[in-house]
Amino acid sequence: MAEKKNTVDSLREWIVEHKLRAVGCLWLSGIAGSIAYNWSQPNMKTSVKIIHARLHAQALTLAALAGAAVVEYYDHKTGAKAERYAKFLDFNAPPHKD
């Protein structure tokens, strides 16, 4: 069970670090899957198949962006985001002079 949790946590961490890449991959897979599904429908014009694929991918992208916003909100509320950036901040160092 602990191994599965580590996999889920590592996947969540990758998505948090690469939000735009994750949304882009989801969009690309959504459009590819929708085109594959629509091409199996024999009574549709090609332009309608492409429009449907675009609409499906657009809806999937909006859902992914909403999910990314929820993850960002959760990280902000739990303080996980502050912990992630704390390693880059050294409060004991003297201030930088220009």
Protein backbone atom coordinates (compact mmCIF):
# COMPACT_ATOMS: atom_id res chain seq x y z
CA MET A 1 0.00 0.00 0.00
CA ALA A 2 2.83 2.40 0.85
CA GLU A 3 4.38 1.84 -2.59
CA LYS A 4 1.15 2.83 -4.32
CA LYS A 5 0.91 5.98 -2.20
CA ASN A 6 4.45 6.92 -3.20
CA THR A 7 3.54 6.51 -6.86
CA VAL A 8 0.46 8.68 -6.49
CA ASP A 9 2.42 11.27 -4.53
CA SER A 10 5.21 11.35 -7.08
CA LEU A 11 2.67 11.72 -9.91
CA ARG A 12 0.94 14.55 -8.04
CA GLU A 13 4.30 16.23 -7.42
CA TRP A 14 5.23 15.96 -11.13
CA ILE A 15 1.89 17.49 -12.12
CA VAL A 16 2.36 20.34 -9.64
CA GLU A 17 5.83 21.06 -11.03
CA HIS A 18 4.81 20.74 -14.71
CA LYS A 19 1.26 22.06 -14.86
CA LEU A 20 1.37 23.43 -18.40
CA ARG A 21 3.08 20.32 -19.77
CA ALA A 22 0.46 18.11 -18.10
CA VAL A 23 -2.42 20.19 -19.51
CA GLY A 24 -0.80 20.16 -22.98
CA CYS A 25 -0.35 16.38 -22.91
CA LEU A 26 -3.93 15.95 -21.76
CA TRP A 27 -5.15 18.21 -24.58
CA LEU A 28 -3.09 16.32 -27.17
CA SER A 29 -4.29 12.92 -25.98
CA GLY A 30 -7.87 14.23 -25.83
CA ILE A 31 -7.79 15.49 -29.39
CA ALA A 32 -6.14 12.27 -30.63
CA GLY A 33 -8.67 10.08 -28.83
CA SER A 34 -11.60 12.15 -30.01
CA ILE A 35 -10.41 12.10 -33.63
CA ALA A 36 -9.95 8.32 -33.40
CA TYR A 37 -13.47 7.93 -32.02
CA ASN A 38 -15.04 10.32 -34.53
CA TRP A 39 -13.33 8.63 -37.46
CA SER A 40 -15.17 5.42 -36.55
CA GLN A 41 -18.50 7.24 -37.15
CA PRO A 42 -19.24 6.69 -40.85
CA ASN A 43 -22.11 9.18 -41.30
CA MET A 44 -20.22 12.40 -40.39
CA LYS A 45 -18.48 14.86 -42.62
CA THR A 46 -14.76 15.35 -42.00
CA SER A 47 -15.23 18.96 -40.91
CA VAL A 48 -17.79 17.89 -38.29
CA LYS A 49 -15.41 15.20 -37.01
CA ILE A 50 -12.64 17.79 -36.56
CA ILE A 51 -14.98 20.28 -34.87
CA HIS A 52 -16.20 17.62 -32.44
CA ALA A 53 -12.63 16.58 -31.65
CA ARG A 54 -11.69 20.19 -30.94
CA LEU A 55 -14.70 20.69 -28.68
CA HIS A 56 -13.97 17.51 -26.73
CA ALA A 57 -10.32 18.48 -26.28
CA GLN A 58 -11.33 22.00 -25.26
CA ALA A 59 -13.66 20.66 -22.56
CA LEU A 60 -10.95 18.29 -21.33
CA THR A 61 -8.47 21.19 -21.18
CA LEU A 62 -10.87 23.31 -19.15
CA ALA A 63 -11.33 20.41 -16.73
CA ALA A 64 -7.55 20.00 -16.46
CA LEU A 65 -7.08 23.71 -15.78
CA ALA A 66 -9.77 23.57 -13.10
CA GLY A 67 -7.99 20.58 -11.57
CA ALA A 68 -4.67 22.44 -11.62
CA ALA A 69 -6.36 25.38 -9.88
CA VAL A 70 -7.70 23.04 -7.18
CA VAL A 71 -4.24 21.54 -6.64
CA GLU A 72 -2.72 25.03 -6.44
CA TYR A 73 -5.38 26.09 -3.93
CA TYR A 74 -4.78 22.96 -1.85
CA ASP A 75 -1.01 23.53 -1.86
CA HIS A 76 -1.53 27.14 -0.82
CA LYS A 77 -3.88 26.21 2.03
CA THR A 78 -1.70 23.39 3.39
CA GLY A 79 1.56 25.31 3.12
CA ALA A 80 3.12 22.74 0.80
CA LYS A 81 3.97 25.46 -1.70
CA ALA A 82 5.83 27.49 0.93
CA GLU A 83 7.80 24.39 1.94
CA ARG A 84 8.69 23.70 -1.70
CA TYR A 85 10.18 27.19 -2.17
CA ALA A 86 11.76 27.48 1.29
CA LYS A 87 14.82 25.56 0.12
CA PHE A 88 15.60 28.36 -2.35
CA LEU A 89 15.35 31.10 0.29
CA ASP A 90 18.21 31.58 2.69
CA PHE A 91 17.05 33.95 5.40
CA ASN A 92 20.39 33.81 7.24
CA ALA A 93 22.37 35.19 4.32
CA PRO A 94 23.32 38.86 4.36
CA PRO A 95 21.26 41.08 2.06
CA HIS A 96 22.53 41.46 -1.46
CA LYS A 97 24.01 44.86 -2.25
CA ASP A 98 23.85 46.33 -5.73
